[in-house]
Amino acid sequence: AGLAAIQKLGRENGFGVDTTKNAEIFTSDSLKKYKAVV
């Protein structure tokens, strides 16, 4: 429910939302595309 809500907030308020439970995304290169992490 939280994932769906944040995705909807993004669509309605002008920010992109990616979701993952895979910690391997936490590399310097992968994080460059994001402004924030939730």
ModelCIF file with pLDDT and N, C-alpha, C, O atoms, coordinates in Angstrom:
data_MODEL
#
_entry.id   MODEL 
#
_entity.id                         1 
_entity.type                       polymer 
_entity.pdbx_number_of_molecules   1 
#
_entity_poly.entity_id                      1 
_entity_poly.type                           'polypeptide(L)' 
_entity_poly.nstd_linkage                   no 
_entity_poly.nstd_monomer                   no 
_entity_poly.pdbx_seq_one_letter_code       AGLAAIQKLGRENGFGVDTTKNAEIFTSDSLKKYKAVV 
_entity_poly.pdbx_seq_one_letter_code_can   AGLAAIQKLGRENGFGVDTTKNAEIFTSDSLKKYKAVV 
_entity_poly.pdbx_strand_id                 A 
#
loop_
_entity_poly_seq.entity_id 
_entity_poly_seq.num 
_entity_poly_seq.mon_id 
_entity_poly_seq.hetero 
1 1  ALA n 
1 2  GLY n 
1 3  LEU n 
1 4  ALA n 
1 5  ALA n 
1 6  ILE n 
1 7  GLN n 
1 8  LYS n 
1 9  LEU n 
1 10 GLY n 
1 11 ARG n 
1 12 GLU n 
1 13 ASN n 
1 14 GLY n 
1 15 PHE n 
1 16 GLY n 
1 17 VAL n 
1 18 ASP n 
1 19 THR n 
1 20 THR n 
1 21 LYS n 
1 22 ASN n 
1 23 ALA n 
1 24 GLU n 
1 25 ILE n 
1 26 PHE n 
1 27 THR n 
1 28 SER n 
1 29 ASP n 
1 30 SER n 
1 31 LEU n 
1 32 LYS n 
1 33 LYS n 
1 34 TYR n 
1 35 LYS n 
1 36 ALA n 
1 37 VAL n 
1 38 VAL n 
#
_struct_asym.id          A 
_struct_asym.entity_id   1 
#
loop_
_ma_qa_metric.id 
_ma_qa_metric.mode 
_ma_qa_metric.name 
_ma_qa_metric.software_group_id 
_ma_qa_metric.type 
1 global pLDDT . pLDDT 
2 local  pLDDT . pLDDT 
#
_ma_qa_metric_global.metric_id      1 
_ma_qa_metric_global.metric_value   97.87 
_ma_qa_metric_global.model_id       1 
_ma_qa_metric_global.ordinal_id     1 
#
loop_
_ma_qa_metric_local.label_asym_id 
_ma_qa_metric_local.label_comp_id 
_ma_qa_metric_local.label_seq_id 
_ma_qa_metric_local.metric_id 
_ma_qa_metric_local.metric_value 
_ma_qa_metric_local.model_id 
_ma_qa_metric_local.ordinal_id 
A ALA 1  2 98.00 1 1  
A GLY 2  2 98.00 1 2  
A LEU 3  2 98.00 1 3  
A ALA 4  2 98.00 1 4  
A ALA 5  2 98.00 1 5  
A ILE 6  2 98.00 1 6  
A GLN 7  2 98.00 1 7  
A LYS 8  2 98.00 1 8  
A LEU 9  2 98.00 1 9  
A GLY 10 2 98.00 1 10 
A ARG 11 2 98.00 1 11 
A GLU 12 2 98.00 1 12 
A ASN 13 2 98.00 1 13 
A GLY 14 2 97.00 1 14 
A PHE 15 2 98.00 1 15 
A GLY 16 2 98.00 1 16 
A VAL 17 2 98.00 1 17 
A ASP 18 2 98.00 1 18 
A THR 19 2 98.00 1 19 
A THR 20 2 98.00 1 20 
A LYS 21 2 98.00 1 21 
A ASN 22 2 98.00 1 22 
A ALA 23 2 98.00 1 23 
A GLU 24 2 98.00 1 24 
A ILE 25 2 98.00 1 25 
A PHE 26 2 98.00 1 26 
A THR 27 2 98.00 1 27 
A SER 28 2 97.00 1 28 
A ASP 29 2 97.00 1 29 
A SER 30 2 98.00 1 30 
A LEU 31 2 98.00 1 31 
A LYS 32 2 97.00 1 32 
A LYS 33 2 96.00 1 33 
A TYR 34 2 98.00 1 34 
A LYS 35 2 98.00 1 35 
A ALA 36 2 98.00 1 36 
A VAL 37 2 98.00 1 37 
A VAL 38 2 99.00 1 38 
#
loop_
_atom_site.group_PDB 
_atom_site.id 
_atom_site.type_symbol 
_atom_site.label_atom_id 
_atom_site.label_alt_id 
_atom_site.label_comp_id 
_atom_site.label_asym_id 
_atom_site.label_entity_id 
_atom_site.label_seq_id 
_atom_site.pdbx_PDB_ins_code 
_atom_site.Cartn_x 
_atom_site.Cartn_y 
_atom_site.Cartn_z 
_atom_site.occupancy 
_atom_site.B_iso_or_equiv 
_atom_site.pdbx_formal_charge 
_atom_site.auth_seq_id 
_atom_site.auth_comp_id 
_atom_site.auth_asym_id 
_atom_site.auth_atom_id 
_atom_site.pdbx_PDB_model_num 
ATOM 1   N N  . ALA A 1 1  ? 0.840  -1.209 0.000   1.00 98.00 ? 1  ALA A N  1 
ATOM 2   C CA . ALA A 1 1  ? 0.000  0.000  0.000   1.00 98.00 ? 1  ALA A CA 1 
ATOM 3   C C  . ALA A 1 1  ? 0.868  1.249  0.000   1.00 98.00 ? 1  ALA A C  1 
ATOM 4   O O  . ALA A 1 1  ? 0.534  2.237  -0.653  1.00 98.00 ? 1  ALA A O  1 
ATOM 5   N N  . GLY A 1 2  ? 1.977  1.212  0.725   1.00 98.00 ? 2  GLY A N  1 
ATOM 6   C CA . GLY A 1 2  ? 2.889  2.353  0.755   1.00 98.00 ? 2  GLY A CA 1 
ATOM 7   C C  . GLY A 1 2  ? 3.561  2.581  -0.590  1.00 98.00 ? 2  GLY A C  1 
ATOM 8   O O  . GLY A 1 2  ? 3.708  3.722  -1.029  1.00 98.00 ? 2  GLY A O  1 
ATOM 9   N N  . LEU A 1 3  ? 3.968  1.507  -1.239  1.00 98.00 ? 3  LEU A N  1 
ATOM 10  C CA . LEU A 1 3  ? 4.588  1.624  -2.564  1.00 98.00 ? 3  LEU A CA 1 
ATOM 11  C C  . LEU A 1 3  ? 3.615  2.254  -3.554  1.00 98.00 ? 3  LEU A C  1 
ATOM 12  O O  . LEU A 1 3  ? 3.969  3.177  -4.287  1.00 98.00 ? 3  LEU A O  1 
ATOM 13  N N  . ALA A 1 4  ? 2.382  1.742  -3.568  1.00 98.00 ? 4  ALA A N  1 
ATOM 14  C CA . ALA A 1 4  ? 1.373  2.273  -4.494  1.00 98.00 ? 4  ALA A CA 1 
ATOM 15  C C  . ALA A 1 4  ? 1.082  3.742  -4.207  1.00 98.00 ? 4  ALA A C  1 
ATOM 16  O O  . ALA A 1 4  ? 0.908  4.538  -5.129  1.00 98.00 ? 4  ALA A O  1 
ATOM 17  N N  . ALA A 1 5  ? 1.030  4.096  -2.930  1.00 98.00 ? 5  ALA A N  1 
ATOM 18  C CA . ALA A 1 5  ? 0.730  5.485  -2.564  1.00 98.00 ? 5  ALA A CA 1 
ATOM 19  C C  . ALA A 1 5  ? 1.839  6.431  -3.016  1.00 98.00 ? 5  ALA A C  1 
ATOM 20  O O  . ALA A 1 5  ? 1.553  7.507  -3.543  1.00 98.00 ? 5  ALA A O  1 
ATOM 21  N N  . ILE A 1 6  ? 3.110  6.042  -2.815  1.00 98.00 ? 6  ILE A N  1 
ATOM 22  C CA . ILE A 1 6  ? 4.222  6.908  -3.208  1.00 98.00 ? 6  ILE A CA 1 
ATOM 23  C C  . ILE A 1 6  ? 4.307  7.018  -4.725  1.00 98.00 ? 6  ILE A C  1 
ATOM 24  O O  . ILE A 1 6  ? 4.626  8.083  -5.253  1.00 98.00 ? 6  ILE A O  1 
ATOM 25  N N  . GLN A 1 7  ? 4.027  5.932  -5.423  1.00 98.00 ? 7  GLN A N  1 
ATOM 26  C CA . GLN A 1 7  ? 4.003  5.996  -6.884  1.00 98.00 ? 7  GLN A CA 1 
ATOM 27  C C  . GLN A 1 7  ? 2.931  6.971  -7.365  1.00 98.00 ? 7  GLN A C  1 
ATOM 28  O O  . GLN A 1 7  ? 3.153  7.741  -8.299  1.00 98.00 ? 7  GLN A O  1 
ATOM 29  N N  . LYS A 1 8  ? 1.773  6.931  -6.721  1.00 98.00 ? 8  LYS A N  1 
ATOM 30  C CA . LYS A 1 8  ? 0.687  7.852  -7.086  1.00 98.00 ? 8  LYS A CA 1 
ATOM 31  C C  . LYS A 1 8  ? 1.071  9.291  -6.761  1.00 98.00 ? 8  LYS A C  1 
ATOM 32  O O  . LYS A 1 8  ? 0.795  10.197 -7.547  1.00 98.00 ? 8  LYS A O  1 
ATOM 33  N N  . LEU A 1 9  ? 1.700  9.507  -5.619  1.00 98.00 ? 9  LEU A N  1 
ATOM 34  C CA . LEU A 1 9  ? 2.155  10.855 -5.263  1.00 98.00 ? 9  LEU A CA 1 
ATOM 35  C C  . LEU A 1 9  ? 3.142  11.383 -6.304  1.00 98.00 ? 9  LEU A C  1 
ATOM 36  O O  . LEU A 1 9  ? 3.116  12.562 -6.656  1.00 98.00 ? 9  LEU A O  1 
ATOM 37  N N  . GLY A 1 10 ? 4.004  10.502 -6.788  1.00 98.00 ? 10 GLY A N  1 
ATOM 38  C CA . GLY A 1 10 ? 4.959  10.907 -7.802  1.00 98.00 ? 10 GLY A CA 1 
ATOM 39  C C  . GLY A 1 10 ? 4.288  11.318 -9.101  1.00 98.00 ? 10 GLY A C  1 
ATOM 40  O O  . GLY A 1 10 ? 4.630  12.341 -9.694  1.00 98.00 ? 10 GLY A O  1 
ATOM 41  N N  . ARG A 1 11 ? 3.326  10.508 -9.540  1.00 98.00 ? 11 ARG A N  1 
ATOM 42  C CA . ARG A 1 11 ? 2.615  10.826 -10.791 1.00 98.00 ? 11 ARG A CA 1 
ATOM 43  C C  . ARG A 1 11 ? 1.886  12.156 -10.681 1.00 98.00 ? 11 ARG A C  1 
ATOM 44  O O  . ARG A 1 11 ? 1.834  12.922 -11.643 1.00 98.00 ? 11 ARG A O  1 
ATOM 45  N N  . GLU A 1 12 ? 1.328  12.428 -9.521  1.00 98.00 ? 12 GLU A N  1 
ATOM 46  C CA . GLU A 1 12 ? 0.494  13.621 -9.353  1.00 98.00 ? 12 GLU A CA 1 
ATOM 47  C C  . GLU A 1 12 ? 1.290  14.876 -8.993  1.00 98.00 ? 12 GLU A C  1 
ATOM 48  O O  . GLU A 1 12 ? 0.763  15.987 -9.055  1.00 98.00 ? 12 GLU A O  1 
ATOM 49  N N  . ASN A 1 13 ? 2.562  14.698 -8.616  1.00 98.00 ? 13 ASN A N  1 
ATOM 50  C CA . ASN A 1 13 ? 3.320  15.848 -8.114  1.00 98.00 ? 13 ASN A CA 1 
ATOM 51  C C  . ASN A 1 13 ? 4.690  16.027 -8.772  1.00 98.00 ? 13 ASN A C  1 
ATOM 52  O O  . ASN A 1 13 ? 5.545  16.744 -8.252  1.00 98.00 ? 13 ASN A O  1 
ATOM 53  N N  . GLY A 1 14 ? 4.890  15.378 -9.903  1.00 97.00 ? 14 GLY A N  1 
ATOM 54  C CA . GLY A 1 14 ? 6.049  15.695 -10.713 1.00 97.00 ? 14 GLY A CA 1 
ATOM 55  C C  . GLY A 1 14 ? 7.382  15.109 -10.289 1.00 97.00 ? 14 GLY A C  1 
ATOM 56  O O  . GLY A 1 14 ? 8.413  15.762 -10.449 1.00 97.00 ? 14 GLY A O  1 
ATOM 57  N N  . PHE A 1 15 ? 7.391  13.892 -9.749  1.00 98.00 ? 15 PHE A N  1 
ATOM 58  C CA . PHE A 1 15 ? 8.671  13.223 -9.527  1.00 98.00 ? 15 PHE A CA 1 
ATOM 59  C C  . PHE A 1 15 ? 8.535  11.743 -9.879  1.00 98.00 ? 15 PHE A C  1 
ATOM 60  O O  . PHE A 1 15 ? 7.483  11.134 -9.683  1.00 98.00 ? 15 PHE A O  1 
ATOM 61  N N  . GLY A 1 16 ? 9.617  11.185 -10.399 1.00 98.00 ? 16 GLY A N  1 
ATOM 62  C CA . GLY A 1 16 ? 9.625  9.778  -10.764 1.00 98.00 ? 16 GLY A CA 1 
ATOM 63  C C  . GLY A 1 16 ? 9.832  8.898  -9.547  1.00 98.00 ? 16 GLY A C  1 
ATOM 64  O O  . GLY A 1 16 ? 10.429 9.326  -8.559  1.00 98.00 ? 16 GLY A O  1 
ATOM 65  N N  . VAL A 1 17 ? 9.338  7.666  -9.616  1.00 98.00 ? 17 VAL A N  1 
ATOM 66  C CA . VAL A 1 17 ? 9.452  6.730  -8.500  1.00 98.00 ? 17 VAL A CA 1 
ATOM 67  C C  . VAL A 1 17 ? 9.879  5.362  -9.016  1.00 98.00 ? 17 VAL A C  1 
ATOM 68  O O  . VAL A 1 17 ? 9.192  4.761  -9.842  1.00 98.00 ? 17 VAL A O  1 
ATOM 69  N N  . ASP A 1 18 ? 11.016 4.875  -8.529  1.00 98.00 ? 18 ASP A N  1 
ATOM 70  C CA . ASP A 1 18 ? 11.433 3.492  -8.738  1.00 98.00 ? 18 ASP A CA 1 
ATOM 71  C C  . ASP A 1 18 ? 11.359 2.783  -7.393  1.00 98.00 ? 18 ASP A C  1 
ATOM 72  O O  . ASP A 1 18 ? 11.554 3.410  -6.352  1.00 98.00 ? 18 ASP A O  1 
ATOM 73  N N  . THR A 1 19 ? 11.079 1.482  -7.404  1.00 98.00 ? 19 THR A N  1 
ATOM 74  C CA . THR A 1 19 ? 10.975 0.724  -6.161  1.00 98.00 ? 19 THR A CA 1 
ATOM 75  C C  . THR A 1 19 ? 11.844 -0.524 -6.242  1.00 98.00 ? 19 THR A C  1 
ATOM 76  O O  . THR A 1 19 ? 11.986 -1.117 -7.311  1.00 98.00 ? 19 THR A O  1 
ATOM 77  N N  . THR A 1 20 ? 12.419 -0.918 -5.123  1.00 98.00 ? 20 THR A N  1 
ATOM 78  C CA . THR A 1 20 ? 13.228 -2.135 -5.094  1.00 98.00 ? 20 THR A CA 1 
ATOM 79  C C  . THR A 1 20 ? 13.391 -2.640 -3.665  1.00 98.00 ? 20 THR A C  1 
ATOM 80  O O  . THR A 1 20 ? 13.362 -1.860 -2.713  1.00 98.00 ? 20 THR A O  1 
ATOM 81  N N  . LYS A 1 21 ? 13.561 -3.942 -3.527  1.00 98.00 ? 21 LYS A N  1 
ATOM 82  C CA . LYS A 1 21 ? 13.985 -4.524 -2.253  1.00 98.00 ? 21 LYS A CA 1 
ATOM 83  C C  . LYS A 1 21 ? 15.373 -5.148 -2.402  1.00 98.00 ? 21 LYS A C  1 
ATOM 84  O O  . LYS A 1 21 ? 15.845 -5.857 -1.513  1.00 98.00 ? 21 LYS A O  1 
ATOM 85  N N  . ASN A 1 22 ? 16.017 -4.876 -3.536  1.00 98.00 ? 22 ASN A N  1 
ATOM 86  C CA . ASN A 1 22 ? 17.342 -5.423 -3.829  1.00 98.00 ? 22 ASN A CA 1 
ATOM 87  C C  . ASN A 1 22 ? 18.414 -4.396 -3.456  1.00 98.00 ? 22 ASN A C  1 
ATOM 88  O O  . ASN A 1 22 ? 18.539 -3.360 -4.108  1.00 98.00 ? 22 ASN A O  1 
ATOM 89  N N  . ALA A 1 23 ? 19.172 -4.681 -2.426  1.00 98.00 ? 23 ALA A N  1 
ATOM 90  C CA . ALA A 1 23 ? 20.180 -3.728 -1.953  1.00 98.00 ? 23 ALA A CA 1 
ATOM 91  C C  . ALA A 1 23 ? 21.352 -3.584 -2.914  1.00 98.00 ? 23 ALA A C  1 
ATOM 92  O O  . ALA A 1 23 ? 22.169 -2.678 -2.752  1.00 98.00 ? 23 ALA A O  1 
ATOM 93  N N  . GLU A 1 24 ? 21.451 -4.453 -3.906  1.00 98.00 ? 24 GLU A N  1 
ATOM 94  C CA . GLU A 1 24 ? 22.557 -4.347 -4.859  1.00 98.00 ? 24 GLU A CA 1 
ATOM 95  C C  . GLU A 1 24 ? 22.485 -3.070 -5.686  1.00 98.00 ? 24 GLU A C  1 
ATOM 96  O O  . GLU A 1 24 ? 23.468 -2.698 -6.326  1.00 98.00 ? 24 GLU A O  1 
ATOM 97  N N  . ILE A 1 25 ? 21.344 -2.394 -5.684  1.00 98.00 ? 25 ILE A N  1 
ATOM 98  C CA . ILE A 1 25 ? 21.230 -1.124 -6.406  1.00 98.00 ? 25 ILE A CA 1 
ATOM 99  C C  . ILE A 1 25 ? 22.041 -0.015 -5.733  1.00 98.00 ? 25 ILE A C  1 
ATOM 100 O O  . ILE A 1 25 ? 22.272 1.036  -6.332  1.00 98.00 ? 25 ILE A O  1 
ATOM 101 N N  . PHE A 1 26 ? 22.473 -0.247 -4.494  1.00 98.00 ? 26 PHE A N  1 
ATOM 102 C CA . PHE A 1 26 ? 23.216 0.783  -3.773  1.00 98.00 ? 26 PHE A CA 1 
ATOM 103 C C  . PHE A 1 26 ? 24.687 0.752  -4.175  1.00 98.00 ? 26 PHE A C  1 
ATOM 104 O O  . PHE A 1 26 ? 25.552 0.263  -3.448  1.00 98.00 ? 26 PHE A O  1 
ATOM 105 N N  . THR A 1 27 ? 24.931 1.298  -5.373  1.00 98.00 ? 27 THR A N  1 
ATOM 106 C CA . THR A 1 27 ? 26.274 1.566  -5.867  1.00 98.00 ? 27 THR A CA 1 
ATOM 107 C C  . THR A 1 27 ? 26.312 3.036  -6.259  1.00 98.00 ? 27 THR A C  1 
ATOM 108 O O  . THR A 1 27 ? 25.270 3.652  -6.485  1.00 98.00 ? 27 THR A O  1 
ATOM 109 N N  . SER A 1 28 ? 27.499 3.590  -6.339  1.00 97.00 ? 28 SER A N  1 
ATOM 110 C CA . SER A 1 28 ? 27.621 5.011  -6.677  1.00 97.00 ? 28 SER A CA 1 
ATOM 111 C C  . SER A 1 28 ? 27.006 5.308  -8.033  1.00 97.00 ? 28 SER A C  1 
ATOM 112 O O  . SER A 1 28 ? 26.333 6.326  -8.193  1.00 97.00 ? 28 SER A O  1 
ATOM 113 N N  . ASP A 1 29 ? 27.222 4.436  -9.013  1.00 97.00 ? 29 ASP A N  1 
ATOM 114 C CA . ASP A 1 29 ? 26.688 4.665  -10.355 1.00 97.00 ? 29 ASP A CA 1 
ATOM 115 C C  . ASP A 1 29 ? 25.165 4.583  -10.380 1.00 97.00 ? 29 ASP A C  1 
ATOM 116 O O  . ASP A 1 29 ? 24.510 5.422  -10.999 1.00 97.00 ? 29 ASP A O  1 
ATOM 117 N N  . SER A 1 30 ? 24.601 3.585  -9.716  1.00 98.00 ? 30 SER A N  1 
ATOM 118 C CA . SER A 1 30 ? 23.145 3.407  -9.742  1.00 98.00 ? 30 SER A CA 1 
ATOM 119 C C  . SER A 1 30 ? 22.421 4.536  -9.020  1.00 98.00 ? 30 SER A C  1 
ATOM 120 O O  . SER A 1 30 ? 21.337 4.941  -9.439  1.00 98.00 ? 30 SER A O  1 
ATOM 121 N N  . LEU A 1 31 ? 23.000 5.041  -7.957  1.00 98.00 ? 31 LEU A N  1 
ATOM 122 C CA . LEU A 1 31 ? 22.341 6.081  -7.163  1.00 98.00 ? 31 LEU A CA 1 
ATOM 123 C C  . LEU A 1 31 ? 22.391 7.454  -7.828  1.00 98.00 ? 31 LEU A C  1 
ATOM 124 O O  . LEU A 1 31 ? 21.668 8.364  -7.424  1.00 98.00 ? 31 LEU A O  1 
ATOM 125 N N  . LYS A 1 32 ? 23.237 7.608  -8.841  1.00 97.00 ? 32 LYS A N  1 
ATOM 126 C CA . LYS A 1 32 ? 23.368 8.908  -9.499  1.00 97.00 ? 32 LYS A CA 1 
ATOM 127 C C  . LYS A 1 32 ? 22.064 9.394  -10.127 1.00 97.00 ? 32 LYS A C  1 
ATOM 128 O O  . LYS A 1 32 ? 21.863 10.599 -10.276 1.00 97.00 ? 32 LYS A O  1 
ATOM 129 N N  . LYS A 1 33 ? 21.185 8.478  -10.494 1.00 96.00 ? 33 LYS A N  1 
ATOM 130 C CA . LYS A 1 33 ? 19.949 8.876  -11.173 1.00 96.00 ? 33 LYS A CA 1 
ATOM 131 C C  . LYS A 1 33 ? 18.867 9.355  -10.210 1.00 96.00 ? 33 LYS A C  1 
ATOM 132 O O  . LYS A 1 33 ? 17.806 9.801  -10.647 1.00 96.00 ? 33 LYS A O  1 
ATOM 133 N N  . TYR A 1 34 ? 19.126 9.267  -8.899  1.00 98.00 ? 34 TYR A N  1 
ATOM 134 C CA . TYR A 1 34 ? 18.106 9.618  -7.914  1.00 98.00 ? 34 TYR A CA 1 
ATOM 135 C C  . TYR A 1 34 ? 18.484 10.871 -7.132  1.00 98.00 ? 34 TYR A C  1 
ATOM 136 O O  . TYR A 1 34 ? 19.652 11.136 -6.848  1.00 98.00 ? 34 TYR A O  1 
ATOM 137 N N  . LYS A 1 35 ? 17.454 11.621 -6.802  1.00 98.00 ? 35 LYS A N  1 
ATOM 138 C CA . LYS A 1 35 ? 17.613 12.801 -5.958  1.00 98.00 ? 35 LYS A CA 1 
ATOM 139 C C  . LYS A 1 35 ? 17.423 12.443 -4.485  1.00 98.00 ? 35 LYS A C  1 
ATOM 140 O O  . LYS A 1 35 ? 17.955 13.119 -3.604  1.00 98.00 ? 35 LYS A O  1 
ATOM 141 N N  . ALA A 1 36 ? 16.661 11.376 -4.221  1.00 98.00 ? 36 ALA A N  1 
ATOM 142 C CA . ALA A 1 36 ? 16.387 10.973 -2.841  1.00 98.00 ? 36 ALA A CA 1 
ATOM 143 C C  . ALA A 1 36 ? 16.080 9.483  -2.787  1.00 98.00 ? 36 ALA A C  1 
ATOM 144 O O  . ALA A 1 36 ? 15.697 8.873  -3.785  1.00 98.00 ? 36 ALA A O  1 
ATOM 145 N N  . VAL A 1 37 ? 16.256 8.913  -1.596  1.00 98.00 ? 37 VAL A N  1 
ATOM 146 C CA . VAL A 1 37 ? 15.927 7.514  -1.332  1.00 98.00 ? 37 VAL A CA 1 
ATOM 147 C C  . VAL A 1 37 ? 14.953 7.462  -0.163  1.00 98.00 ? 37 VAL A C  1 
ATOM 148 O O  . VAL A 1 37 ? 15.160 8.114  0.860   1.00 98.00 ? 37 VAL A O  1 
ATOM 149 N N  . VAL A 1 38 ? 13.896 6.685  -0.324  1.00 99.00 ? 38 VAL A N  1 
ATOM 150 C CA . VAL A 1 38 ? 12.899 6.472  0.728   1.00 99.00 ? 38 VAL A CA 1 
ATOM 151 C C  . VAL A 1 38 ? 13.094 5.070  1.293   1.00 99.00 ? 38 VAL A C  1 
ATOM 152 O O  . VAL A 1 38 ? 12.365 4.662  2.197   1.00 99.00 ? 38 VAL A O  1 
#
